[in-house]
Each structure stands twice: as C-alpha cells, then as structure tokens.
PDB file of N, CA and C in Angstrom:
ATOM      1  N   MET A   1      87.769  77.601 104.935  1.00  0.00           N
ATOM      2  CA  MET A   1      88.041  78.932 105.442  1.00  0.00           C
ATOM      3  C   MET A   1      86.993  79.272 106.482  1.00  0.00           C
ATOM      4  N   ALA A   2      87.423  79.961 107.510  1.00  0.00           N
ATOM      5  CA  ALA A   2      86.467  80.412 108.517  1.00  0.00           C
ATOM      6  C   ALA A   2      85.385  81.206 107.805  1.00  0.00           C
ATOM      7  N   SER A   3      84.147  80.975 108.153  1.00  0.00           N
ATOM      8  CA  SER A   3      83.039  81.592 107.422  1.00  0.00           C
ATOM      9  C   SER A   3      83.063  83.112 107.494  1.00  0.00           C
ATOM     10  N   HIS A   4      83.745  83.684 108.476  1.00  0.00           N
ATOM     11  CA  HIS A   4      83.784  85.143 108.573  1.00  0.00           C
ATOM     12  C   HIS A   4      84.963  85.757 107.818  1.00  0.00           C
ATOM     13  N   ILE A   5      85.768  84.943 107.119  1.00  0.00           N
ATOM     14  CA  ILE A   5      86.899  85.439 106.340  1.00  0.00           C
ATOM     15  C   ILE A   5      86.636  85.174 104.859  1.00  0.00           C
ATOM     16  N   LYS A   6      86.737  86.226 104.068  1.00  0.00           N
ATOM     17  CA  LYS A   6      86.577  86.121 102.619  1.00  0.00           C
ATOM     18  C   LYS A   6      87.813  86.728 101.973  1.00  0.00           C
ATOM     19  N   ILE A   7      88.387  86.014 100.997  1.00  0.00           N
ATOM     20  CA  ILE A   7      89.552  86.501 100.271  1.00  0.00           C
ATOM     21  C   ILE A   7      89.209  86.503  98.794  1.00  0.00           C
ATOM     22  N   LYS A   8      89.521  87.631  98.147  1.00  0.00           N
ATOM     23  CA  LYS A   8      89.284  87.735  96.707  1.00  0.00           C
ATOM     24  C   LYS A   8      90.399  88.580  96.098  1.00  0.00           C
ATOM     25  N   LYS A   9      90.529  88.506  94.781  1.00  0.00           N
ATOM     26  CA  LYS A   9      91.489  89.358  94.082  1.00  0.00           C
ATOM     27  C   LYS A   9      91.023  90.803  94.248  1.00  0.00           C
ATOM     28  N   ALA A  10      91.938  91.672  94.623  1.00  0.00           N
ATOM     29  CA  ALA A  10      91.625  93.098  94.738  1.00  0.00           C
ATOM     30  C   ALA A  10      91.654  93.690  93.333  1.00  0.00           C
ATOM     31  N   GLU A  11      90.587  94.311  92.947  1.00  0.00           N
ATOM     32  CA  GLU A  11      90.503  94.853  91.594  1.00  0.00           C
ATOM     33  C   GLU A  11      91.407  96.066  91.434  1.00  0.00           C
ATOM     34  N   GLY A  12      92.001  96.190  90.257  1.00  0.00           N
ATOM     35  CA  GLY A  12      92.801  97.352  89.929  1.00  0.00           C
ATOM     36  C   GLY A  12      94.257  97.205  90.338  1.00  0.00           C
ATOM     37  N   THR A  13      94.957  98.326  90.266  1.00  0.00           N
ATOM     38  CA  THR A  13      96.365  98.406  90.630  1.00  0.00           C
ATOM     39  C   THR A  13      96.473  99.052  92.000  1.00  0.00           C
ATOM     40  N   TRP A  14      97.308  98.475  92.867  1.00  0.00           N
ATOM     41  CA  TRP A  14      97.465  98.958  94.235  1.00  0.00           C
ATOM     42  C   TRP A  14      98.913  99.351  94.472  1.00  0.00           C
ATOM     43  N   SER A  15      99.102 100.387  95.278  1.00  0.00           N
ATOM     44  CA  SER A  15     100.451 100.792  95.653  1.00  0.00           C
ATOM     45  C   SER A  15     100.524 100.971  97.162  1.00  0.00           C
ATOM     46  N   VAL A  16     101.758 100.895  97.659  1.00  0.00           N
ATOM     47  CA  VAL A  16     102.020 101.165  99.075  1.00  0.00           C
ATOM     48  C   VAL A  16     103.242 102.068  99.121  1.00  0.00           C
ATOM     49  N   ARG A  17     103.130 103.164  99.908  1.00  0.00           N
ATOM     50  CA  ARG A  17     104.207 104.149 100.018  1.00  0.00           C
ATOM     51  C   ARG A  17     104.458 104.475 101.480  1.00  0.00           C
ATOM     52  N   ALA A  18     105.709 104.846 101.761  1.00  0.00           N
ATOM     53  CA  ALA A  18     106.081 105.305 103.109  1.00  0.00           C
ATOM     54  C   ALA A  18     107.291 106.212 102.993  1.00  0.00           C
ATOM     55  N   GLY A  19     107.293 107.306 103.749  1.00  0.00           N
ATOM     56  CA  GLY A  19     108.445 108.200 103.780  1.00  0.00           C
ATOM     57  C   GLY A  19     108.879 108.689 102.424  1.00  0.00           C
ATOM     58  N   GLY A  20     107.931 108.896 101.507  1.00  0.00           N
ATOM     59  CA  GLY A  20     108.253 109.372 100.173  1.00  0.00           C
ATOM     60  C   GLY A  20     108.703 108.288  99.219  1.00  0.00           C
ATOM     61  N   ALA A  21     108.825 107.059  99.679  1.00  0.00           N
ATOM     62  CA  ALA A  21     109.277 105.947  98.839  1.00  0.00           C
ATOM     63  C   ALA A  21     108.109 105.051  98.449  1.00  0.00           C
ATOM     64  N   VAL A  22     108.112 104.606  97.201  1.00  0.00           N
ATOM     65  CA  VAL A  22     107.145 103.599  96.763  1.00  0.00           C
ATOM     66  C   VAL A  22     107.709 102.247  97.181  1.00  0.00           C
ATOM     67  N   LEU A  23     106.997 101.569  98.064  1.00  0.00           N
ATOM     68  CA  LEU A  23     107.439 100.263  98.564  1.00  0.00           C
ATOM     69  C   LEU A  23     106.995  99.124  97.657  1.00  0.00           C
ATOM     70  N   GLY A  24     105.905  99.361  96.927  1.00  0.00           N
ATOM     71  CA  GLY A  24     105.408  98.320  96.045  1.00  0.00           C
ATOM     72  C   GLY A  24     104.235  98.787  95.225  1.00  0.00           C
ATOM     73  N   GLU A  25     104.020  98.075  94.120  1.00  0.00           N
ATOM     74  CA  GLU A  25     102.875  98.319  93.246  1.00  0.00           C
ATOM     75  C   GLU A  25     102.519  96.997  92.595  1.00  0.00           C
ATOM     76  N   THR A  26     101.223  96.699  92.522  1.00  0.00           N
ATOM     77  CA  THR A  26     100.820  95.400  91.996  1.00  0.00           C
ATOM     78  C   THR A  26      99.429  95.436  91.377  1.00  0.00           C
ATOM     79  N   ASN A  27      99.237  94.529  90.433  1.00  0.00           N
ATOM     80  CA  ASN A  27      97.914  94.235  89.872  1.00  0.00           C
ATOM     81  C   ASN A  27      97.397  92.915  90.420  1.00  0.00           C
ATOM     82  N   ALA A  28      98.141  92.315  91.352  1.00  0.00           N
ATOM     83  CA  ALA A  28      97.818  90.975  91.847  1.00  0.00           C
ATOM     84  C   ALA A  28      97.547  90.963  93.352  1.00  0.00           C
ATOM     85  N   ALA A  29      97.083  92.077  93.895  1.00  0.00           N
ATOM     86  CA  ALA A  29      96.791  92.139  95.334  1.00  0.00           C
ATOM     87  C   ALA A  29      95.574  91.286  95.668  1.00  0.00           C
ATOM     88  N   LEU A  30      95.528  90.863  96.917  1.00  0.00           N
ATOM     89  CA  LEU A  30      94.367  90.156  97.455  1.00  0.00           C
ATOM     90  C   LEU A  30      93.677  91.056  98.474  1.00  0.00           C
ATOM     91  N   GLU A  31      92.380  90.940  98.545  1.00  0.00           N
ATOM     92  CA  GLU A  31      91.599  91.686  99.543  1.00  0.00           C
ATOM     93  C   GLU A  31      90.983  90.686 100.512  1.00  0.00           C
ATOM     94  N   MET A  32      91.308  90.846 101.795  1.00  0.00           N
ATOM     95  CA  MET A  32      90.733  89.981 102.822  1.00  0.00           C
ATOM     96  C   MET A  32      89.710  90.763 103.621  1.00  0.00           C
ATOM     97  N   GLN A  33      88.522  90.207 103.717  1.00  0.00           N
ATOM     98  CA  GLN A  33      87.477  90.760 104.565  1.00  0.00           C
ATOM     99  C   GLN A  33      87.283  89.781 105.715  1.00  0.00           C
ATOM    100  N   GLU A  34      87.530  90.254 106.922  1.00  0.00           N
ATOM    101  CA  GLU A  34      87.403  89.405 108.103  1.00  0.00           C
ATOM    102  C   GLU A  34      86.354  89.995 109.028  1.00  0.00           C
ATOM    103  N   GLY A  35      85.201  89.354 109.040  1.00  0.00           N
ATOM    104  CA  GLY A  35      84.116  89.819 109.897  1.00  0.00           C
ATOM    105  C   GLY A  35      83.754  91.267 109.617  1.00  0.00           C
ATOM    106  N   ASP A  36      83.633  92.067 110.685  1.00  0.00           N
ATOM    107  CA  ASP A  36      83.260  93.471 110.571  1.00  0.00           C
ATOM    108  C   ASP A  36      84.456  94.409 110.433  1.00  0.00           C
ATOM    109  N   TYR A  37      85.671  93.857 110.390  1.00  0.00           N
ATOM    110  CA  TYR A  37      86.864  94.690 110.241  1.00  0.00           C
ATOM    111  C   TYR A  37      86.928  95.269 108.830  1.00  0.00           C
ATOM    112  N   PRO A  38      87.591  96.410 108.663  1.00  0.00           N
ATOM    113  CA  PRO A  38      87.781  96.936 107.298  1.00  0.00           C
ATOM    114  C   PRO A  38      88.608  95.955 106.471  1.00  0.00           C
ATOM    115  N   PRO A  39      88.392  95.931 105.154  1.00  0.00           N
ATOM    116  CA  PRO A  39      89.179  95.033 104.304  1.00  0.00           C
ATOM    117  C   PRO A  39      90.667  95.352 104.401  1.00  0.00           C
ATOM    118  N   VAL A  40      91.499  94.316 104.243  1.00  0.00           N
ATOM    119  CA  VAL A  40      92.952  94.454 104.271  1.00  0.00           C
ATOM    120  C   VAL A  40      93.488  94.005 102.920  1.00  0.00           C
ATOM    121  N   ILE A  41      94.379  94.816 102.347  1.00  0.00           N
ATOM    122  CA  ILE A  41      95.004  94.489 101.070  1.00  0.00           C
ATOM    123  C   ILE A  41      96.319  93.769 101.344  1.00  0.00           C
ATOM    124  N   TYR A  42      96.492  92.626 100.714  1.00  0.00           N
ATOM    125  CA  TYR A  42      97.712  91.832 100.816  1.00  0.00           C
ATOM    126  C   TYR A  42      98.462  91.917  99.484  1.00  0.00           C
ATOM    127  N   PHE A  43      99.722  92.359  99.553  1.00  0.00           N
ATOM    128  CA  PHE A  43     100.565  92.527  98.378  1.00  0.00           C
ATOM    129  C   PHE A  43     101.452  91.298  98.187  1.00  0.00           C
ATOM    130  N   PRO A  44     101.542  90.771  96.953  1.00  0.00           N
ATOM    131  CA  PRO A  44     102.496  89.684  96.718  1.00  0.00           C
ATOM    132  C   PRO A  44     103.909  90.177  97.027  1.00  0.00           C
ATOM    133  N   ARG A  45     104.663  89.374  97.721  1.00  0.00           N
ATOM    134  CA  ARG A  45     106.006  89.775  98.129  1.00  0.00           C
ATOM    135  C   ARG A  45     106.884  90.119  96.927  1.00  0.00           C
ATOM    136  N   GLU A  46     106.685  89.436  95.794  1.00  0.00           N
ATOM    137  CA  GLU A  46     107.521  89.722  94.625  1.00  0.00           C
ATOM    138  C   GLU A  46     107.260  91.111  94.042  1.00  0.00           C
ATOM    139  N   ASP A  47     106.182  91.759  94.441  1.00  0.00           N
ATOM    140  CA  ASP A  47     105.875  93.107  93.976  1.00  0.00           C
ATOM    141  C   ASP A  47     106.222  94.178  95.020  1.00  0.00           C
ATOM    142  N   ILE A  48     106.919  93.788  96.067  1.00  0.00           N
ATOM    143  CA  ILE A  48     107.331  94.690  97.143  1.00  0.00           C
ATOM    144  C   ILE A  48     108.857  94.834  97.103  1.00  0.00           C
ATOM    145  N   ALA A  49     109.340  96.054  97.304  1.00  0.00           N
ATOM    146  CA  ALA A  49     110.787  96.304  97.376  1.00  0.00           C
ATOM    147  C   ALA A  49     111.253  95.924  98.776  1.00  0.00           C
ATOM    148  N   MET A  50     111.618  94.662  98.954  1.00  0.00           N
ATOM    149  CA  MET A  50     111.947  94.128 100.274  1.00  0.00           C
ATOM    150  C   MET A  50     113.199  94.769 100.878  1.00  0.00           C
ATOM    151  N   ALA A  51     113.974  95.519 100.077  1.00  0.00           N
ATOM    152  CA  ALA A  51     115.144  96.220 100.618  1.00  0.00           C
ATOM    153  C   ALA A  51     114.744  97.264 101.659  1.00  0.00           C
ATOM    154  N   PHE A  52     113.480  97.706 101.645  1.00  0.00           N
ATOM    155  CA  PHE A  52     112.976  98.678 102.619  1.00  0.00           C
ATOM    156  C   PHE A  52     112.523  98.027 103.923  1.00  0.00           C
ATOM    157  N   PHE A  53     112.611  96.708 104.015  1.00  0.00           N
ATOM    158  CA  PHE A  53     112.034  95.988 105.151  1.00  0.00           C
ATOM    159  C   PHE A  53     113.100  95.248 105.945  1.00  0.00           C
ATOM    160  N   ASP A  54     112.969  95.325 107.258  1.00  0.00           N
ATOM    161  CA  ASP A  54     113.774  94.522 108.176  1.00  0.00           C
ATOM    162  C   ASP A  54     112.831  93.627 108.953  1.00  0.00           C
ATOM    163  N   SER A  55     113.198  92.361 109.107  1.00  0.00           N
ATOM    164  CA  SER A  55     112.385  91.461 109.928  1.00  0.00           C
ATOM    165  C   SER A  55     112.387  91.948 111.368  1.00  0.00           C
ATOM    166  N   SER A  56     111.256  91.818 112.002  1.00  0.00           N
ATOM    167  CA  SER A  56     111.099  92.194 113.401  1.00  0.00           C
ATOM    168  C   SER A  56     111.051  90.918 114.238  1.00  0.00           C
ATOM    169  N   ASP A  57     111.295  91.058 115.528  1.00  0.00           N
ATOM    170  CA  ASP A  57     111.135  89.918 116.439  1.00  0.00           C
ATOM    171  C   ASP A  57     109.677  89.714 116.833  1.00  0.00           C
ATOM    172  N   ALA A  58     108.822  90.665 116.473  1.00  0.00           N
ATOM    173  CA  ALA A  58     107.407  90.597 116.865  1.00  0.00           C
ATOM    174  C   ALA A  58     106.680  89.487 116.107  1.00  0.00           C
ATOM    175  N   THR A  59     105.789  88.816 116.794  1.00  0.00           N
ATOM    176  CA  THR A  59     104.917  87.806 116.203  1.00  0.00           C
ATOM    177  C   THR A  59     103.549  87.920 116.861  1.00  0.00           C
ATOM    178  N   SER A  60     102.570  87.342 116.223  1.00  0.00           N
ATOM    179  CA  SER A  60     101.238  87.234 116.822  1.00  0.00           C
ATOM    180  C   SER A  60     100.584  85.983 116.263  1.00  0.00           C
ATOM    181  N   ASN A  61      99.511  85.578 116.891  1.00  0.00           N
ATOM    182  CA  ASN A  61      98.791  84.391 116.439  1.00  0.00           C
ATOM    183  C   ASN A  61      97.328  84.727 116.266  1.00  0.00           C
ATOM    184  N   CYS A  62      96.781  84.316 115.141  1.00  0.00           N
ATOM    185  CA  CYS A  62      95.351  84.410 114.877  1.00  0.00           C
ATOM    186  C   CYS A  62      94.828  82.978 114.800  1.00  0.00           C
ATOM    187  N   PRO A  63      93.782  82.649 115.534  1.00  0.00           N
ATOM    188  CA  PRO A  63      93.283  81.273 115.492  1.00  0.00           C
ATOM    189  C   PRO A  63      92.754  80.861 114.118  1.00  0.00           C
ATOM    190  N   HIS A  64      92.457  81.839 113.264  1.00  0.00           N
ATOM    191  CA  HIS A  64      91.911  81.536 111.938  1.00  0.00           C
ATOM    192  C   HIS A  64      92.955  81.565 110.826  1.00  0.00           C
ATOM    193  N   LYS A  65      94.032  82.349 111.027  1.00  0.00           N
ATOM    194  CA  LYS A  65      95.030  82.515 109.971  1.00  0.00           C
ATOM    195  C   LYS A  65      96.379  81.894 110.314  1.00  0.00           C
ATOM    196  N   GLY A  66      96.731  81.827 111.577  1.00  0.00           N
ATOM    197  CA  GLY A  66      98.011  81.250 111.974  1.00  0.00           C
ATOM    198  C   GLY A  66      98.919  82.283 112.606  1.00  0.00           C
ATOM    199  N   ASP A  67     100.239  82.033 112.518  1.00  0.00           N
ATOM    200  CA  ASP A  67     101.238  82.905 113.134  1.00  0.00           C
ATOM    201  C   ASP A  67     101.695  83.966 112.144  1.00  0.00           C
ATOM    202  N   ALA A  68     101.690  85.227 112.588  1.00  0.00           N
ATOM    203  CA  ALA A  68     102.136  86.344 111.755  1.00  0.00           C
ATOM    204  C   ALA A  68     103.534  86.773 112.175  1.00  0.00           C
ATOM    205  N   ASN A  69     104.350  87.091 111.198  1.00  0.00           N
ATOM    206  CA  ASN A  69     105.670  87.684 111.406  1.00  0.00           C
ATOM    207  C   ASN A  69     105.588  89.137 110.964  1.00  0.00           C
ATOM    208  N   TYR A  70     106.330  90.008 111.645  1.00  0.00           N
ATOM    209  CA  TYR A  70     106.238  91.437 111.385  1.00  0.00           C
ATOM    210  C   TYR A  70     107.508  91.983 110.768  1.00  0.00           C
ATOM    211  N   PHE A  71     107.358  93.122 110.089  1.00  0.00           N
ATOM    212  CA  PHE A  71     108.460  93.798 109.420  1.00  0.00           C
ATOM    213  C   PHE A  71     108.439  95.277 109.765  1.00  0.00           C
ATOM    214  N   THR A  72     109.640  95.828 109.921  1.00  0.00           N
ATOM    215  CA  THR A  72     109.823  97.258 110.118  1.00  0.00           C
ATOM    216  C   THR A  72     110.181  97.865 108.770  1.00  0.00           C
ATOM    217  N   VAL A  73     109.547  98.982 108.436  1.00  0.00           N
ATOM    218  CA  VAL A  73     109.830  99.692 107.189  1.00  0.00           C
ATOM    219  C   VAL A  73     110.910 100.723 107.471  1.00  0.00           C
ATOM    220  N   VAL A  74     111.970 100.703 106.656  1.00  0.00           N
ATOM    221  CA  VAL A  74     113.087 101.636 106.819  1.00  0.00           C
ATOM    222  C   VAL A  74     113.267 102.403 105.514  1.00  0.00           C
ATOM    223  N   THR A  75     112.987 103.711 105.555  1.00  0.00           N
ATOM    224  CA  THR A  75     113.214 104.569 104.395  1.00  0.00           C
ATOM    225  C   THR A  75     114.289 105.589 104.771  1.00  0.00           C
ATOM    226  N   LYS A  76     114.698 106.413 103.822  1.00  0.00           N
ATOM    227  CA  LYS A  76     115.702 107.440 104.111  1.00  0.00           C
ATOM    228  C   LYS A  76     115.217 108.427 105.161  1.00  0.00           C
ATOM    229  N   SER A  77     113.901 108.670 105.191  1.00  0.00           N
ATOM    230  CA  SER A  77     113.377 109.699 106.085  1.00  0.00           C
ATOM    231  C   SER A  77     112.843 109.176 107.415  1.00  0.00           C
ATOM    232  N   ARG A  78     112.588 107.860 107.513  1.00  0.00           N
ATOM    233  CA  ARG A  78     112.033 107.359 108.772  1.00  0.00           C
ATOM    234  C   ARG A  78     112.069 105.849 108.879  1.00  0.00           C
ATOM    235  N   THR A  79     111.880 105.386 110.116  1.00  0.00           N
ATOM    236  CA  THR A  79     111.760 103.961 110.422  1.00  0.00           C
ATOM    237  C   THR A  79     110.402 103.763 111.078  1.00  0.00           C
ATOM    238  N   ILE A  80     109.641 102.812 110.571  1.00  0.00           N
ATOM    239  CA  ILE A  80     108.294 102.557 111.091  1.00  0.00           C
ATOM    240  C   ILE A  80     108.265 101.121 111.594  1.00  0.00           C
ATOM    241  N   GLU A  81     108.270 100.980 112.908  1.00  0.00           N
ATOM    242  CA  GLU A  81     108.343  99.663 113.550  1.00  0.00           C
ATOM    243  C   GLU A  81     107.076  98.840 113.299  1.00  0.00           C
ATOM    244  N   ASN A  82     107.274  97.575 112.984  1.00  0.00           N
ATOM    245  CA  ASN A  82     106.183  96.593 112.871  1.00  0.00           C
ATOM    246  C   ASN A  82     105.020  97.104 112.019  1.00  0.00           C
ATOM    247  N   ALA A  83     105.349  97.700 110.883  1.00  0.00           N
ATOM    248  CA  ALA A  83     104.334  98.313 110.024  1.00  0.00           C
ATOM    249  C   ALA A  83     103.648  97.316 109.094  1.00  0.00           C
ATOM    250  N   ALA A  84     104.295  96.176 108.858  1.00  0.00           N
ATOM    251  CA  ALA A  84     103.748  95.179 107.935  1.00  0.00           C
ATOM    252  C   ALA A  84     103.816  93.803 108.574  1.00  0.00           C
ATOM    253  N   TRP A  85     102.972  92.918 108.087  1.00  0.00           N
ATOM    254  CA  TRP A  85     103.001  91.548 108.583  1.00  0.00           C
ATOM    255  C   TRP A  85     102.775  90.577 107.440  1.00  0.00           C
ATOM    256  N   SER A  86     103.156  89.333 107.703  1.00  0.00           N
ATOM    257  CA  SER A  86     103.027  88.269 106.731  1.00  0.00           C
ATOM    258  C   SER A  86     102.760  86.963 107.466  1.00  0.00           C
ATOM    259  N   TYR A  87     101.968  86.117 106.865  1.00  0.00           N
ATOM    260  CA  TYR A  87     101.751  84.765 107.376  1.00  0.00           C
ATOM    261  C   TYR A  87     102.605  83.830 106.525  1.00  0.00           C
ATOM    262  N   GLU A  88     103.752  83.431 107.065  1.00  0.00           N
ATOM    263  CA  GLU A  88     104.685  82.595 106.308  1.00  0.00           C
ATOM    264  C   GLU A  88     104.126  81.194 106.069  1.00  0.00           C
ATOM    265  N   ASN A  89     103.395  80.685 107.044  1.00  0.00           N
ATOM    266  CA  ASN A  89     102.762  79.368 106.935  1.00  0.00           C
ATOM    267  C   ASN A  89     101.323  79.474 107.416  1.00  0.00           C
ATOM    268  N   PRO A  90     100.472  80.126 106.615  1.00  0.00           N
ATOM    269  CA  PRO A  90      99.090  80.319 107.061  1.00  0.00           C
ATOM    270  C   PRO A  90      98.332  78.995 107.141  1.00  0.00           C
ATOM    271  N   LYS A  91      97.245  79.037 107.876  1.00  0.00           N
ATOM    272  CA  LYS A  91      96.384  77.851 107.947  1.00  0.00           C
ATOM    273  C   LYS A  91      95.863  77.530 106.549  1.00  0.00           C
ATOM    274  N   PRO A  92      95.597  76.268 106.272  1.00  0.00           N
ATOM    275  CA  PRO A  92      95.164  75.870 104.927  1.00  0.00           C
ATOM    276  C   PRO A  92      93.946  76.647 104.417  1.00  0.00           C
ATOM    277  N   GLU A  93      93.076  77.060 105.313  1.00  0.00           N
ATOM    278  CA  GLU A  93      91.859  77.765 104.916  1.00  0.00           C
ATOM    279  C   GLU A  93      92.139  79.128 104.287  1.00  0.00           C
ATOM    280  N   VAL A  94      93.325  79.696 104.563  1.00  0.00           N
ATOM    281  CA  VAL A  94      93.695  81.016 104.014  1.00  0.00           C
ATOM    282  C   VAL A  94      95.047  80.937 103.305  1.00  0.00           C
ATOM    283  N   ALA A  95      95.352  79.790 102.737  1.00  0.00           N
ATOM    284  CA  ALA A  95      96.665  79.529 102.140  1.00  0.00           C
ATOM    285  C   ALA A  95      97.042  80.542 101.070  1.00  0.00           C
ATOM    286  N   GLU A  96      96.068  81.162 100.412  1.00  0.00           N
ATOM    287  CA  GLU A  96      96.405  82.089  99.329  1.00  0.00           C
ATOM    288  C   GLU A  96      97.137  83.349  99.796  1.00  0.00           C
ATOM    289  N   ILE A  97      97.132  83.650 101.108  1.00  0.00           N
ATOM    290  CA  ILE A  97      97.867  84.830 101.583  1.00  0.00           C
ATOM    291  C   ILE A  97      99.343  84.539 101.846  1.00  0.00           C
ATOM    292  N   LYS A  98      99.755  83.295 101.713  1.00  0.00           N
ATOM    293  CA  LYS A  98     101.184  82.966 101.872  1.00  0.00           C
ATOM    294  C   LYS A  98     101.984  83.741 100.834  1.00  0.00           C
ATOM    295  N   GLY A  99     103.118  84.294 101.265  1.00  0.00           N
ATOM    296  CA  GLY A  99     103.956  85.057 100.346  1.00  0.00           C
ATOM    297  C   GLY A  99     103.460  86.468 100.092  1.00  0.00           C
ATOM    298  N   HIS A 100     102.530  86.939 100.923  1.00  0.00           N
ATOM    299  CA  HIS A 100     101.981  88.290 100.787  1.00  0.00           C
ATOM    300  C   HIS A 100     102.281  89.104 102.045  1.00  0.00           C
ATOM    301  N   LEU A 101     102.313  90.426 101.892  1.00  0.00           N
ATOM    302  CA  LEU A 101     102.479  91.355 103.009  1.00  0.00           C
ATOM    303  C   LEU A 101     101.251  92.245 103.109  1.00  0.00           C
ATOM    304  N   ALA A 102     100.873  92.554 104.341  1.00  0.00           N
ATOM    305  CA  ALA A 102      99.799  93.508 104.596  1.00  0.00           C
ATOM    306  C   ALA A 102     100.352  94.605 105.504  1.00  0.00           C
ATOM    307  N   PHE A 103      99.688  95.746 105.508  1.00  0.00           N
ATOM    308  CA  PHE A 103     100.188  96.920 106.213  1.00  0.00           C
ATOM    309  C   PHE A 103      99.140  97.477 107.155  1.00  0.00           C
ATOM    310  N   TYR A 104      99.610  97.925 108.330  1.00  0.00           N
ATOM    311  CA  TYR A 104      98.704  98.564 109.272  1.00  0.00           C
ATOM    312  C   TYR A 104      98.242  99.900 108.711  1.00  0.00           C
ATOM    313  N   PRO A 105      96.962 100.217 108.878  1.00  0.00           N
ATOM    314  CA  PRO A 105      96.504 101.546 108.470  1.00  0.00           C
ATOM    315  C   PRO A 105      97.078 102.588 109.432  1.00  0.00           C
ATOM    316  N   MET A 106      97.903 103.481 108.902  1.00  0.00           N
ATOM    317  CA  MET A 106      98.514 104.522 109.720  1.00  0.00           C
ATOM    318  C   MET A 106      98.881 105.688 108.817  1.00  0.00           C
ATOM    319  N   ASP A 107      99.068 106.835 109.412  1.00  0.00           N
ATOM    320  CA  ASP A 107      99.396 108.031 108.639  1.00  0.00           C
ATOM    321  C   ASP A 107     100.695 107.877 107.859  1.00  0.00           C
ATOM    322  N   GLU A 108     101.650 107.126 108.385  1.00  0.00           N
ATOM    323  CA  GLU A 108     102.965 107.006 107.772  1.00  0.00           C
ATOM    324  C   GLU A 108     103.002 106.071 106.565  1.00  0.00           C
ATOM    325  N   ILE A 109     101.973 105.244 106.408  1.00  0.00           N
ATOM    326  CA  ILE A 109     101.923 104.258 105.319  1.00  0.00           C
ATOM    327  C   ILE A 109     100.652 104.526 104.496  1.00  0.00           C
ATOM    328  N   ALA A 110     100.815 104.635 103.182  1.00  0.00           N
ATOM    329  CA  ALA A 110      99.663 104.850 102.317  1.00  0.00           C
ATOM    330  C   ALA A 110      99.468 103.618 101.437  1.00  0.00           C
ATOM    331  N   VAL A 111      98.346 102.936 101.622  1.00  0.00           N
ATOM    332  CA  VAL A 111      97.951 101.829 100.760  1.00  0.00           C
ATOM    333  C   VAL A 111      96.755 102.332  99.972  1.00  0.00           C
ATOM    334  N   GLU A 112      96.898 102.355  98.635  1.00  0.00           N
ATOM    335  CA  GLU A 112      95.810 102.921  97.856  1.00  0.00           C
ATOM    336  C   GLU A 112      95.700 102.289  96.486  1.00  0.00           C
ATOM    337  N   ARG A 113      94.488 102.306  95.993  1.00  0.00           N
ATOM    338  CA  ARG A 113      94.230 101.860  94.618  1.00  0.00           C
ATOM    339  C   ARG A 113      94.543 103.046  93.711  1.00  0.00           C
ATOM    340  N   ILE A 114      95.342 102.779  92.676  1.00  0.00           N
ATOM    341  CA  ILE A 114      95.734 103.872  91.769  1.00  0.00           C
ATOM    342  C   ILE A 114      95.173 103.678  90.380  1.00  0.00           C
TER     343      ILE A 114
END
C-alpha cells in the first residue's frame, strides 16, 4: 500500500442518508486515511440500498487506488449526480476497498457514526 494511505475498520455503526432516505447502515465500514485529506468511510455494497443508485458515466483515476466508477443517488425528493464512487478493481495495495462505496462530503449526503 502506498505509505500515505492507511485503511482500517471504522469503529462503530455508520449510516448514510440522502433526501430523507437511509441509503445504508453498517458495522463493517472501512476508514481510509490518505495523506492529509480527511478520512473517508467506505460502506460495504451489501449494506447499501443499491435501488437508490444509478451508475454514472463518470470515471476518474487515482495512481494509488486505480479507476473509480461513480453513482448518482436518486431519492423521491432529489437526484444527486456523482455523489458516490467505488473502485471495482482497485490496485492490490488497497484491495480491501473492492465492493465498497464512498460518498462525497456534501450537504445533501449525511455520513455519520450512530
């Protein structure tokens, strides 16, 4: 793993909400610390209500993690473009984030420890 990336089990129970809907809740979240950036919580996909998500055409590449695919969150009250991302085939150094989703910090999405 790149020396500036640390991944550990996120302690406690975590939830993610948008537009009044609970998108997911888990006791198995991962916390990624990458350099000086704020930590990012990665939710196992099996603990996310994927019915709220549409695949986006957006992609990005991180030299340390690989190619990211993005998802738009669709709730009854709103649509939030490219609000979540996933590394479908992450680099071996960060393989544990495969099958997980992370969310951009924004007013419309609440990721919190409960």
